Each structure stands twice: as structure tokens, then as C-alpha cells.
PDB file of N, CA and C in Angstrom:
ATOM      1  N   MET A   1      50.207  86.786 199.039  1.00  0.00           N
ATOM      2  CA  MET A   1      51.173  85.798 199.501  1.00  0.00           C
ATOM      3  C   MET A   1      50.726  85.262 200.862  1.00  0.00           C
ATOM      4  N   ALA A   2      50.813  83.957 201.011  1.00  0.00           N
ATOM      5  CA  ALA A   2      50.467  83.337 202.288  1.00  0.00           C
ATOM      6  C   ALA A   2      51.675  82.594 202.837  1.00  0.00           C
ATOM      7  N   LYS A   3      51.952  82.830 204.106  1.00  0.00           N
ATOM      8  CA  LYS A   3      53.022  82.118 204.805  1.00  0.00           C
ATOM      9  C   LYS A   3      52.398  81.505 206.045  1.00  0.00           C
ATOM     10  N   VAL A   4      52.576  80.196 206.187  1.00  0.00           N
ATOM     11  CA  VAL A   4      51.982  79.472 207.306  1.00  0.00           C
ATOM     12  C   VAL A   4      53.079  78.711 208.035  1.00  0.00           C
ATOM     13  N   LYS A   5      53.070  78.794 209.351  1.00  0.00           N
ATOM     14  CA  LYS A   5      54.046  78.076 210.172  1.00  0.00           C
ATOM     15  C   LYS A   5      53.302  77.122 211.098  1.00  0.00           C
ATOM     16  N   THR A   6      53.745  75.860 211.116  1.00  0.00           N
ATOM     17  CA  THR A   6      53.114  74.827 211.932  1.00  0.00           C
ATOM     18  C   THR A   6      54.169  74.150 212.797  1.00  0.00           C
ATOM     19  N   ASN A   7      53.891  74.008 214.075  1.00  0.00           N
ATOM     20  CA  ASN A   7      54.766  73.278 214.987  1.00  0.00           C
ATOM     21  C   ASN A   7      54.118  71.940 215.309  1.00  0.00           C
ATOM     22  N   ILE A   8      54.881  70.861 215.113  1.00  0.00           N
ATOM     23  CA  ILE A   8      54.352  69.516 215.304  1.00  0.00           C
ATOM     24  C   ILE A   8      55.202  68.783 216.328  1.00  0.00           C
ATOM     25  N   GLU A   9      54.575  68.279 217.369  1.00  0.00           N
ATOM     26  CA  GLU A   9      55.222  67.399 218.333  1.00  0.00           C
ATOM     27  C   GLU A   9      54.676  66.013 218.048  1.00  0.00           C
ATOM     28  N   ALA A  10      55.522  65.154 217.505  1.00  0.00           N
ATOM     29  CA  ALA A  10      55.071  63.882 216.926  1.00  0.00           C
ATOM     30  C   ALA A  10      54.573  62.867 217.954  1.00  0.00           C
ATOM     31  N   GLY A  11      54.966  62.963 219.171  1.00  0.00           N
ATOM     32  CA  GLY A  11      54.484  62.015 220.171  1.00  0.00           C
ATOM     33  C   GLY A  11      55.581  61.498 221.068  1.00  0.00           C
ATOM     34  N   VAL A  12      55.477  60.222 221.405  1.00  0.00           N
ATOM     35  CA  VAL A  12      56.377  59.612 222.375  1.00  0.00           C
ATOM     36  C   VAL A  12      57.834  59.619 221.910  1.00  0.00           C
ATOM     37  N   CYS A  13      58.073  59.713 220.608  1.00  0.00           N
ATOM     38  CA  CYS A  13      59.452  59.786 220.105  1.00  0.00           C
ATOM     39  C   CYS A  13      60.146  61.057 220.583  1.00  0.00           C
ATOM     40  N   GLY A  14      59.361  62.102 220.875  1.00  0.00           N
ATOM     41  CA  GLY A  14      59.908  63.353 221.386  1.00  0.00           C
ATOM     42  C   GLY A  14      60.407  64.311 220.323  1.00  0.00           C
ATOM     43  N   PHE A  15      60.345  63.914 219.062  1.00  0.00           N
ATOM     44  CA  PHE A  15      60.837  64.785 217.997  1.00  0.00           C
ATOM     45  C   PHE A  15      59.868  65.929 217.730  1.00  0.00           C
ATOM     46  N   LYS A  16      60.459  67.079 217.430  1.00  0.00           N
ATOM     47  CA  LYS A  16      59.679  68.273 217.112  1.00  0.00           C
ATOM     48  C   LYS A  16      60.017  68.711 215.692  1.00  0.00           C
ATOM     49  N   THR A  17      59.006  69.189 214.989  1.00  0.00           N
ATOM     50  CA  THR A  17      59.183  69.641 213.614  1.00  0.00           C
ATOM     51  C   THR A  17      58.456  70.964 213.433  1.00  0.00           C
ATOM     52  N   GLU A  18      59.123  71.904 212.771  1.00  0.00           N
ATOM     53  CA  GLU A  18      58.504  73.170 212.408  1.00  0.00           C
ATOM     54  C   GLU A  18      58.427  73.230 210.891  1.00  0.00           C
ATOM     55  N   VAL A  19      57.223  73.369 210.373  1.00  0.00           N
ATOM     56  CA  VAL A  19      56.992  73.431 208.929  1.00  0.00           C
ATOM     57  C   VAL A  19      56.574  74.853 208.582  1.00  0.00           C
ATOM     58  N   THR A  20      57.293  75.481 207.668  1.00  0.00           N
ATOM     59  CA  THR A  20      56.899  76.779 207.139  1.00  0.00           C
ATOM     60  C   THR A  20      56.605  76.590 205.663  1.00  0.00           C
ATOM     61  N   ALA A  21      55.421  77.016 205.247  1.00  0.00           N
ATOM     62  CA  ALA A  21      55.011  76.904 203.852  1.00  0.00           C
ATOM     63  C   ALA A  21      54.671  78.293 203.325  1.00  0.00           C
ATOM     64  N   ASN A  22      55.139  78.573 202.117  1.00  0.00           N
ATOM     65  CA  ASN A  22      54.890  79.858 201.473  1.00  0.00           C
ATOM     66  C   ASN A  22      54.246  79.629 200.125  1.00  0.00           C
ATOM     67  N   SER A  23      53.286  80.479 199.782  1.00  0.00           N
ATOM     68  CA  SER A  23      52.703  80.456 198.445  1.00  0.00           C
ATOM     69  C   SER A  23      52.454  81.880 197.993  1.00  0.00           C
ATOM     70  N   GLU A  24      53.072  82.257 196.893  1.00  0.00           N
ATOM     71  CA  GLU A  24      52.891  83.601 196.353  1.00  0.00           C
ATOM     72  C   GLU A  24      51.726  83.668 195.382  1.00  0.00           C
ATOM     73  N   ASP A  25      51.306  82.511 194.843  1.00  0.00           N
ATOM     74  CA  ASP A  25      50.240  82.498 193.839  1.00  0.00           C
ATOM     75  C   ASP A  25      49.045  81.641 194.251  1.00  0.00           C
ATOM     76  N   THR A  26      48.988  81.206 195.491  1.00  0.00           N
ATOM     77  CA  THR A  26      47.959  80.314 196.040  1.00  0.00           C
ATOM     78  C   THR A  26      47.832  79.004 195.274  1.00  0.00           C
ATOM     79  N   GLN A  27      48.924  78.586 194.631  1.00  0.00           N
ATOM     80  CA  GLN A  27      48.944  77.274 193.978  1.00  0.00           C
ATOM     81  C   GLN A  27      50.248  76.552 194.257  1.00  0.00           C
ATOM     82  N   ASN A  28      51.362  77.193 193.978  1.00  0.00           N
ATOM     83  CA  ASN A  28      52.669  76.578 194.208  1.00  0.00           C
ATOM     84  C   ASN A  28      53.132  76.918 195.613  1.00  0.00           C
ATOM     85  N   VAL A  29      53.513  75.885 196.346  1.00  0.00           N
ATOM     86  CA  VAL A  29      53.871  76.046 197.756  1.00  0.00           C
ATOM     87  C   VAL A  29      55.297  75.566 197.964  1.00  0.00           C
ATOM     88  N   SER A  30      56.115  76.417 198.588  1.00  0.00           N
ATOM     89  CA  SER A  30      57.483  76.031 198.939  1.00  0.00           C
ATOM     90  C   SER A  30      57.543  75.773 200.442  1.00  0.00           C
ATOM     91  N   PHE A  31      58.487  74.933 200.830  1.00  0.00           N
ATOM     92  CA  PHE A  31      58.589  74.502 202.222  1.00  0.00           C
ATOM     93  C   PHE A  31      59.954  74.792 202.815  1.00  0.00           C
ATOM     94  N   ASN A  32      59.951  75.067 204.111  1.00  0.00           N
ATOM     95  CA  ASN A  32      61.160  75.063 204.927  1.00  0.00           C
ATOM     96  C   ASN A  32      60.791  74.240 206.157  1.00  0.00           C
ATOM     97  N   ILE A  33      61.489  73.121 206.340  1.00  0.00           N
ATOM     98  CA  ILE A  33      61.165  72.208 207.442  1.00  0.00           C
ATOM     99  C   ILE A  33      62.391  72.065 208.334  1.00  0.00           C
ATOM    100  N   VAL A  34      62.197  72.370 209.614  1.00  0.00           N
ATOM    101  CA  VAL A  34      63.260  72.257 210.610  1.00  0.00           C
ATOM    102  C   VAL A  34      62.819  71.198 211.611  1.00  0.00           C
ATOM    103  N   THR A  35      63.688  70.220 211.859  1.00  0.00           N
ATOM    104  CA  THR A  35      63.306  69.107 212.721  1.00  0.00           C
ATOM    105  C   THR A  35      64.522  68.516 213.406  1.00  0.00           C
ATOM    106  N   ASP A  36      64.284  67.797 214.502  1.00  0.00           N
ATOM    107  CA  ASP A  36      65.364  67.056 215.138  1.00  0.00           C
ATOM    108  C   ASP A  36      65.248  65.556 214.834  1.00  0.00           C
ATOM    109  N   CYS A  37      64.320  65.194 213.938  1.00  0.00           N
ATOM    110  CA  CYS A  37      64.165  63.800 213.509  1.00  0.00           C
ATOM    111  C   CYS A  37      64.969  63.566 212.236  1.00  0.00           C
ATOM    112  N   GLU A  38      65.829  62.568 212.253  1.00  0.00           N
ATOM    113  CA  GLU A  38      66.688  62.278 211.102  1.00  0.00           C
ATOM    114  C   GLU A  38      65.874  61.956 209.854  1.00  0.00           C
ATOM    115  N   LYS A  39      64.837  61.147 209.988  1.00  0.00           N
ATOM    116  CA  LYS A  39      64.031  60.749 208.821  1.00  0.00           C
ATOM    117  C   LYS A  39      63.240  61.923 208.243  1.00  0.00           C
ATOM    118  N   ILE A  40      62.672  62.744 209.090  1.00  0.00           N
ATOM    119  CA  ILE A  40      61.958  63.924 208.603  1.00  0.00           C
ATOM    120  C   ILE A  40      62.960  64.903 207.990  1.00  0.00           C
ATOM    121  N   GLY A  41      64.164  64.950 208.531  1.00  0.00           N
ATOM    122  CA  GLY A  41      65.219  65.794 207.967  1.00  0.00           C
ATOM    123  C   GLY A  41      65.561  65.395 206.534  1.00  0.00           C
ATOM    124  N   LYS A  42      65.620  64.086 206.264  1.00  0.00           N
ATOM    125  CA  LYS A  42      65.871  63.607 204.895  1.00  0.00           C
ATOM    126  C   LYS A  42      64.734  64.017 203.975  1.00  0.00           C
ATOM    127  N   LEU A  43      63.529  63.866 204.449  1.00  0.00           N
ATOM    128  CA  LEU A  43      62.341  64.252 203.690  1.00  0.00           C
ATOM    129  C   LEU A  43      62.392  65.750 203.375  1.00  0.00           C
ATOM    130  N   ALA A  44      62.767  66.553 204.350  1.00  0.00           N
ATOM    131  CA  ALA A  44      62.795  68.010 204.202  1.00  0.00           C
ATOM    132  C   ALA A  44      63.742  68.453 203.095  1.00  0.00           C
ATOM    133  N   LYS A  45      64.857  67.755 202.940  1.00  0.00           N
ATOM    134  CA  LYS A  45      65.819  68.114 201.887  1.00  0.00           C
ATOM    135  C   LYS A  45      65.238  67.913 200.498  1.00  0.00           C
ATOM    136  N   GLU A  46      64.356  66.942 200.369  1.00  0.00           N
ATOM    137  CA  GLU A  46      63.776  66.613 199.069  1.00  0.00           C
ATOM    138  C   GLU A  46      62.488  67.381 198.773  1.00  0.00           C
ATOM    139  N   LEU A  47      61.778  67.772 199.797  1.00  0.00           N
ATOM    140  CA  LEU A  47      60.497  68.447 199.626  1.00  0.00           C
ATOM    141  C   LEU A  47      60.715  69.954 199.580  1.00  0.00           C
ATOM    142  N   THR A  48      60.865  70.487 198.392  1.00  0.00           N
ATOM    143  CA  THR A  48      61.133  71.916 198.243  1.00  0.00           C
ATOM    144  C   THR A  48      59.900  72.690 197.814  1.00  0.00           C
ATOM    145  N   GLU A  49      59.177  72.174 196.805  1.00  0.00           N
ATOM    146  CA  GLU A  49      58.000  72.876 196.306  1.00  0.00           C
ATOM    147  C   GLU A  49      57.036  71.889 195.668  1.00  0.00           C
ATOM    148  N   VAL A  50      55.750  72.151 195.821  1.00  0.00           N
ATOM    149  CA  VAL A  50      54.714  71.333 195.185  1.00  0.00           C
ATOM    150  C   VAL A  50      53.625  72.237 194.612  1.00  0.00           C
ATOM    151  N   ASP A  51      52.880  71.695 193.672  1.00  0.00           N
ATOM    152  CA  ASP A  51      51.688  72.328 193.132  1.00  0.00           C
ATOM    153  C   ASP A  51      50.531  71.852 194.009  1.00  0.00           C
ATOM    154  N   ALA A  52      50.014  72.722 194.853  1.00  0.00           N
ATOM    155  CA  ALA A  52      48.995  72.328 195.834  1.00  0.00           C
ATOM    156  C   ALA A  52      47.723  71.812 195.170  1.00  0.00           C
ATOM    157  N   TYR A  53      47.338  72.380 194.041  1.00  0.00           N
ATOM    158  CA  TYR A  53      46.140  71.896 193.345  1.00  0.00           C
ATOM    159  C   TYR A  53      46.330  70.444 192.935  1.00  0.00           C
ATOM    160  N   ASN A  54      47.501  70.133 192.407  1.00  0.00           N
ATOM    161  CA  ASN A  54      47.788  68.755 192.004  1.00  0.00           C
ATOM    162  C   ASN A  54      47.827  67.825 193.217  1.00  0.00           C
ATOM    163  N   GLU A  55      48.370  68.315 194.329  1.00  0.00           N
ATOM    164  CA  GLU A  55      48.434  67.488 195.541  1.00  0.00           C
ATOM    165  C   GLU A  55      47.041  67.152 196.063  1.00  0.00           C
ATOM    166  N   ILE A  56      46.127  68.109 195.995  1.00  0.00           N
ATOM    167  CA  ILE A  56      44.744  67.849 196.417  1.00  0.00           C
ATOM    168  C   ILE A  56      44.124  66.805 195.486  1.00  0.00           C
ATOM    169  N   LYS A  57      44.344  66.988 194.193  1.00  0.00           N
ATOM    170  CA  LYS A  57      43.777  66.060 193.197  1.00  0.00           C
ATOM    171  C   LYS A  57      44.348  64.655 193.352  1.00  0.00           C
ATOM    172  N   GLU A  58      45.663  64.533 193.514  1.00  0.00           N
ATOM    173  CA  GLU A  58      46.338  63.232 193.552  1.00  0.00           C
ATOM    174  C   GLU A  58      46.304  62.575 194.929  1.00  0.00           C
ATOM    175  N   GLY A  59      46.138  63.364 195.984  1.00  0.00           N
ATOM    176  CA  GLY A  59      46.083  62.799 197.336  1.00  0.00           C
ATOM    177  C   GLY A  59      47.319  61.994 197.682  1.00  0.00           C
ATOM    178  N   PHE A  60      47.118  60.749 198.105  1.00  0.00           N
ATOM    179  CA  PHE A  60      48.241  59.910 198.530  1.00  0.00           C
ATOM    180  C   PHE A  60      49.153  59.505 197.376  1.00  0.00           C
ATOM    181  N   GLU A  61      48.740  59.755 196.148  1.00  0.00           N
ATOM    182  CA  GLU A  61      49.567  59.429 194.977  1.00  0.00           C
ATOM    183  C   GLU A  61      50.340  60.638 194.471  1.00  0.00           C
ATOM    184  N   GLY A  62      50.220  61.780 195.135  1.00  0.00           N
ATOM    185  CA  GLY A  62      50.888  63.002 194.708  1.00  0.00           C
ATOM    186  C   GLY A  62      52.373  63.018 195.063  1.00  0.00           C
ATOM    187  N   LYS A  63      53.034  64.088 194.665  1.00  0.00           N
ATOM    188  CA  LYS A  63      54.470  64.267 194.894  1.00  0.00           C
ATOM    189  C   LYS A  63      54.800  64.287 196.388  1.00  0.00           C
ATOM    190  N   LEU A  64      54.010  65.030 197.166  1.00  0.00           N
ATOM    191  CA  LEU A  64      54.284  65.176 198.595  1.00  0.00           C
ATOM    192  C   LEU A  64      54.286  63.820 199.294  1.00  0.00           C
ATOM    193  N   TYR A  65      53.220  63.048 199.131  1.00  0.00           N
ATOM    194  CA  TYR A  65      53.172  61.750 199.804  1.00  0.00           C
ATOM    195  C   TYR A  65      54.142  60.750 199.193  1.00  0.00           C
ATOM    196  N   GLY A  66      54.501  60.923 197.922  1.00  0.00           N
ATOM    197  CA  GLY A  66      55.537  60.075 197.328  1.00  0.00           C
ATOM    198  C   GLY A  66      56.868  60.278 198.034  1.00  0.00           C
ATOM    199  N   ILE A  67      57.207  61.543 198.296  1.00  0.00           N
ATOM    200  CA  ILE A  67      58.444  61.863 199.024  1.00  0.00           C
ATOM    201  C   ILE A  67      58.363  61.344 200.450  1.00  0.00           C
ATOM    202  N   ILE A  68      57.208  61.463 201.057  1.00  0.00           N
ATOM    203  CA  ILE A  68      57.022  60.959 202.424  1.00  0.00           C
ATOM    204  C   ILE A  68      57.228  59.448 202.460  1.00  0.00           C
ATOM    205  N   ARG A  69      56.572  58.717 201.545  1.00  0.00           N
ATOM    206  CA  ARG A  69      56.731  57.246 201.510  1.00  0.00           C
ATOM    207  C   ARG A  69      58.184  56.843 201.304  1.00  0.00           C
ATOM    208  N   LYS A  70      58.870  57.532 200.425  1.00  0.00           N
ATOM    209  CA  LYS A  70      60.266  57.212 200.123  1.00  0.00           C
ATOM    210  C   LYS A  70      61.171  57.399 201.344  1.00  0.00           C
ATOM    211  N   ASN A  71      60.940  58.444 202.095  1.00  0.00           N
ATOM    212  CA  ASN A  71      61.853  58.793 203.184  1.00  0.00           C
ATOM    213  C   ASN A  71      61.466  58.271 204.555  1.00  0.00           C
ATOM    214  N   LEU A  72      60.230  57.847 204.729  1.00  0.00           N
ATOM    215  CA  LEU A  72      59.816  57.367 206.047  1.00  0.00           C
ATOM    216  C   LEU A  72      59.701  55.851 206.101  1.00  0.00           C
ATOM    217  N   THR A  73      60.383  55.153 205.206  1.00  0.00           N
ATOM    218  CA  THR A  73      60.375  53.696 205.264  1.00  0.00           C
ATOM    219  C   THR A  73      61.032  53.260 206.566  1.00  0.00           C
ATOM    220  N   GLY A  74      60.454  52.250 207.166  1.00  0.00           N
ATOM    221  CA  GLY A  74      60.983  51.767 208.437  1.00  0.00           C
ATOM    222  C   GLY A  74      60.583  52.645 209.605  1.00  0.00           C
ATOM    223  N   CYS A  75      59.900  53.706 209.313  1.00  0.00           N
ATOM    224  CA  CYS A  75      59.460  54.633 210.356  1.00  0.00           C
ATOM    225  C   CYS A  75      58.045  54.266 210.779  1.00  0.00           C
ATOM    226  N   CYS A  76      57.631  54.797 211.853  1.00  0.00           N
ATOM    227  CA  CYS A  76      56.278  54.557 212.347  1.00  0.00           C
ATOM    228  C   CYS A  76      55.246  55.070 211.343  1.00  0.00           C
ATOM    229  N   SER A  77      54.371  54.200 210.918  1.00  0.00           N
ATOM    230  CA  SER A  77      53.335  54.590 209.962  1.00  0.00           C
ATOM    231  C   SER A  77      52.354  55.582 210.562  1.00  0.00           C
ATOM    232  N   GLY A  78      52.326  55.696 211.858  1.00  0.00           N
ATOM    233  CA  GLY A  78      51.417  56.616 212.525  1.00  0.00           C
ATOM    234  C   GLY A  78      52.009  57.987 212.791  1.00  0.00           C
ATOM    235  N   CYS A  79      53.143  58.302 212.190  1.00  0.00           N
ATOM    236  CA  CYS A  79      53.790  59.598 212.407  1.00  0.00           C
ATOM    237  C   CYS A  79      52.822  60.731 212.054  1.00  0.00           C
ATOM    238  N   ALA A  80      52.710  61.722 212.921  1.00  0.00           N
ATOM    239  CA  ALA A  80      51.790  62.836 212.733  1.00  0.00           C
ATOM    240  C   ALA A  80      52.355  63.923 211.813  1.00  0.00           C
ATOM    241  N   VAL A  81      53.635  63.880 211.512  1.00  0.00           N
ATOM    242  CA  VAL A  81      54.259  64.945 210.725  1.00  0.00           C
ATOM    243  C   VAL A  81      53.720  65.015 209.298  1.00  0.00           C
ATOM    244  N   PRO A  82      53.566  63.890 208.573  1.00  0.00           N
ATOM    245  CA  PRO A  82      53.068  64.000 207.197  1.00  0.00           C
ATOM    246  C   PRO A  82      51.727  64.723 207.068  1.00  0.00           C
ATOM    247  N   VAL A  83      50.783  64.413 207.918  1.00  0.00           N
ATOM    248  CA  VAL A  83      49.487  65.103 207.838  1.00  0.00           C
ATOM    249  C   VAL A  83      49.645  66.583 208.193  1.00  0.00           C
ATOM    250  N   GLY A  84      50.559  66.890 209.097  1.00  0.00           N
ATOM    251  CA  GLY A  84      50.825  68.289 209.437  1.00  0.00           C
ATOM    252  C   GLY A  84      51.403  69.057 208.266  1.00  0.00           C
ATOM    253  N   ILE A  85      52.306  68.422 207.514  1.00  0.00           N
ATOM    254  CA  ILE A  85      52.875  69.054 206.316  1.00  0.00           C
ATOM    255  C   ILE A  85      51.774  69.303 205.286  1.00  0.00           C
ATOM    256  N   PHE A  86      50.938  68.290 205.059  1.00  0.00           N
ATOM    257  CA  PHE A  86      49.873  68.412 204.058  1.00  0.00           C
ATOM    258  C   PHE A  86      48.894  69.526 204.431  1.00  0.00           C
ATOM    259  N   LYS A  87      48.472  69.569 205.688  1.00  0.00           N
ATOM    260  CA  LYS A  87      47.535  70.600 206.128  1.00  0.00           C
ATOM    261  C   LYS A  87      48.168  71.994 206.027  1.00  0.00           C
ATOM    262  N   THR A  88      49.451  72.110 206.331  1.00  0.00           N
ATOM    263  CA  THR A  88      50.147  73.396 206.219  1.00  0.00           C
ATOM    264  C   THR A  88      50.147  73.858 204.769  1.00  0.00           C
ATOM    265  N   MET A  89      50.399  72.926 203.838  1.00  0.00           N
ATOM    266  CA  MET A  89      50.362  73.236 202.412  1.00  0.00           C
ATOM    267  C   MET A  89      48.981  73.745 202.010  1.00  0.00           C
ATOM    268  N   GLN A  90      47.928  73.057 202.464  1.00  0.00           N
ATOM    269  CA  GLN A  90      46.562  73.456 202.115  1.00  0.00           C
ATOM    270  C   GLN A  90      46.261  74.893 202.560  1.00  0.00           C
ATOM    271  N   VAL A  91      46.635  75.233 203.766  1.00  0.00           N
ATOM    272  CA  VAL A  91      46.364  76.573 204.294  1.00  0.00           C
ATOM    273  C   VAL A  91      47.178  77.621 203.544  1.00  0.00           C
ATOM    274  N   ALA A  92      48.445  77.321 203.245  1.00  0.00           N
ATOM    275  CA  ALA A  92      49.294  78.270 202.524  1.00  0.00           C
ATOM    276  C   ALA A  92      48.738  78.570 201.135  1.00  0.00           C
ATOM    277  N   ALA A  93      48.079  77.589 200.521  1.00  0.00           N
ATOM    278  CA  ALA A  93      47.501  77.768 199.185  1.00  0.00           C
ATOM    279  C   ALA A  93      46.045  78.224 199.235  1.00  0.00           C
ATOM    280  N   ASN A  94      45.572  78.568 200.424  1.00  0.00           N
ATOM    281  CA  ASN A  94      44.177  78.989 200.616  1.00  0.00           C
ATOM    282  C   ASN A  94      43.177  77.914 200.182  1.00  0.00           C
ATOM    283  N   LEU A  95      43.551  76.650 200.355  1.00  0.00           N
ATOM    284  CA  LEU A  95      42.659  75.534 200.039  1.00  0.00           C
ATOM    285  C   LEU A  95      42.026  74.950 201.297  1.00  0.00           C
ATOM    286  N   ALA A  96      42.380  75.497 202.443  1.00  0.00           N
ATOM    287  CA  ALA A  96      41.786  75.100 203.722  1.00  0.00           C
ATOM    288  C   ALA A  96      41.889  76.295 204.663  1.00  0.00           C
ATOM    289  N   LEU A  97      40.979  76.350 205.610  1.00  0.00           N
ATOM    290  CA  LEU A  97      41.013  77.409 206.608  1.00  0.00           C
ATOM    291  C   LEU A  97      42.026  77.072 207.694  1.00  0.00           C
ATOM    292  N   LEU A  98      42.600  78.094 208.283  1.00  0.00           N
ATOM    293  CA  LEU A  98      43.560  77.922 209.370  1.00  0.00           C
ATOM    294  C   LEU A  98      42.820  77.453 210.617  1.00  0.00           C
ATOM    295  N   LYS A  99      43.092  76.236 211.028  1.00  0.00           N
ATOM    296  CA  LYS A  99      42.472  75.659 212.230  1.00  0.00           C
ATOM    297  C   LYS A  99      43.406  74.588 212.749  1.00  0.00           C
ATOM    298  N   ASP A 100      43.718  74.628 214.032  1.00  0.00           N
ATOM    299  CA  ASP A 100      44.563  73.593 214.621  1.00  0.00           C
ATOM    300  C   ASP A 100      43.914  72.225 214.462  1.00  0.00           C
ATOM    301  N   ILE A 101      44.759  71.233 214.266  1.00  0.00           N
ATOM    302  CA  ILE A 101      44.289  69.853 214.265  1.00  0.00           C
ATOM    303  C   ILE A 101      44.822  69.196 215.533  1.00  0.00           C
ATOM    304  N   THR A 102      44.038  68.294 216.090  1.00  0.00           N
ATOM    305  CA  THR A 102      44.406  67.689 217.363  1.00  0.00           C
ATOM    306  C   THR A 102      44.138  66.194 217.334  1.00  0.00           C
ATOM    307  N   ILE A 103      45.054  65.439 217.908  1.00  0.00           N
ATOM    308  CA  ILE A 103      44.835  64.021 218.151  1.00  0.00           C
ATOM    309  C   ILE A 103      45.006  63.821 219.654  1.00  0.00           C
ATOM    310  N   LYS A 104      43.949  63.417 220.319  1.00  0.00           N
ATOM    311  CA  LYS A 104      44.025  63.164 221.757  1.00  0.00           C
ATOM    312  C   LYS A 104      43.794  61.687 221.982  1.00  0.00           C
ATOM    313  N   MET A 105      44.598  61.105 222.841  1.00  0.00           N
ATOM    314  CA  MET A 105      44.482  59.670 223.101  1.00  0.00           C
ATOM    315  C   MET A 105      44.248  59.421 224.583  1.00  0.00           C
ATOM    316  N   LYS A 106      43.487  58.379 224.851  1.00  0.00           N
ATOM    317  CA  LYS A 106      43.204  57.994 226.221  1.00  0.00           C
ATOM    318  C   LYS A 106      43.067  56.483 226.258  1.00  0.00           C
ATOM    319  N   LYS A 107      43.781  55.863 227.144  1.00  0.00           N
ATOM    320  CA  LYS A 107      43.697  54.422 227.286  1.00  0.00           C
ATOM    321  C   LYS A 107      42.666  54.093 228.351  1.00  0.00           C
ATOM    322  N   GLU A 108      41.758  53.198 227.999  1.00  0.00           N
ATOM    323  CA  GLU A 108      40.720  52.781 228.948  1.00  0.00           C
ATOM    324  C   GLU A 108      40.926  51.338 229.329  1.00  0.00           C
ATOM    325  N   GLU A 109      40.813  51.081 230.598  1.00  0.00           N
ATOM    326  CA  GLU A 109      40.940  49.709 231.086  1.00  0.00           C
ATOM    327  C   GLU A 109      39.674  48.942 230.755  1.00  0.00           C
ATOM    328  N   GLN A 110      39.829  47.662 230.434  1.00  0.00           N
ATOM    329  CA  GLN A 110      38.662  46.846 230.084  1.00  0.00           C
ATOM    330  C   GLN A 110      38.234  45.991 231.244  1.00  0.00           C
TER     331      GLN A 110
END
């Protein structure tokens, strides 16, 4: 059984999300998502379990991203939470190694 917990700070919006993913068979992954973002909260209610193998195969056309597209309409397309959820799922299903992901930004004057 694999249990993975990921903390995501989405950026300037200030919202924080904690994603916990569990997999007892390294294929089916269940989620518990705690957030202070209303839109991610709606997504969390709908995203209960996915077949990680199918999600890898289907990519952006899979169940996970379908739920994300449905619930994050009108939201910033650059939200970091969806990729954090996907990566957490991969690690819980032993389809990726546990490694932090980072996005660093720097504005340069021209």
C-alpha cells in the first residue's frame, strides 16, 4: 500500500491544497483533498478514485483531467494544483518516483 501526501501552494492567489492519495494495489488510487480554494473544493468532491494506469494512458483525456476541466472553468489555466494532483497519483501508484516538483519564476527587465 502506498500513501502519498502533497502540499501545494498555488501562487499569488494564496490558496493552499493538501492532496493525499492512497493505492492498495498500485493501480487504483483514491484521493482526499483539503483546500481553501472553492473551485478546487468542488473538484475534490468529485474526484474520489481513478485507475492510474488508465490516467497515464489517456493523459489529458482521462477521468482526472476531465474532472479538472469541468470544475476549473473560469479559473486560471495556469493553476499548479492539477499537475500536483496528477503527480501525487503517479507516486501513489508507483508509476513515478517521489521527487518534489518546483516552478520558480523571475522577472527580468528588458
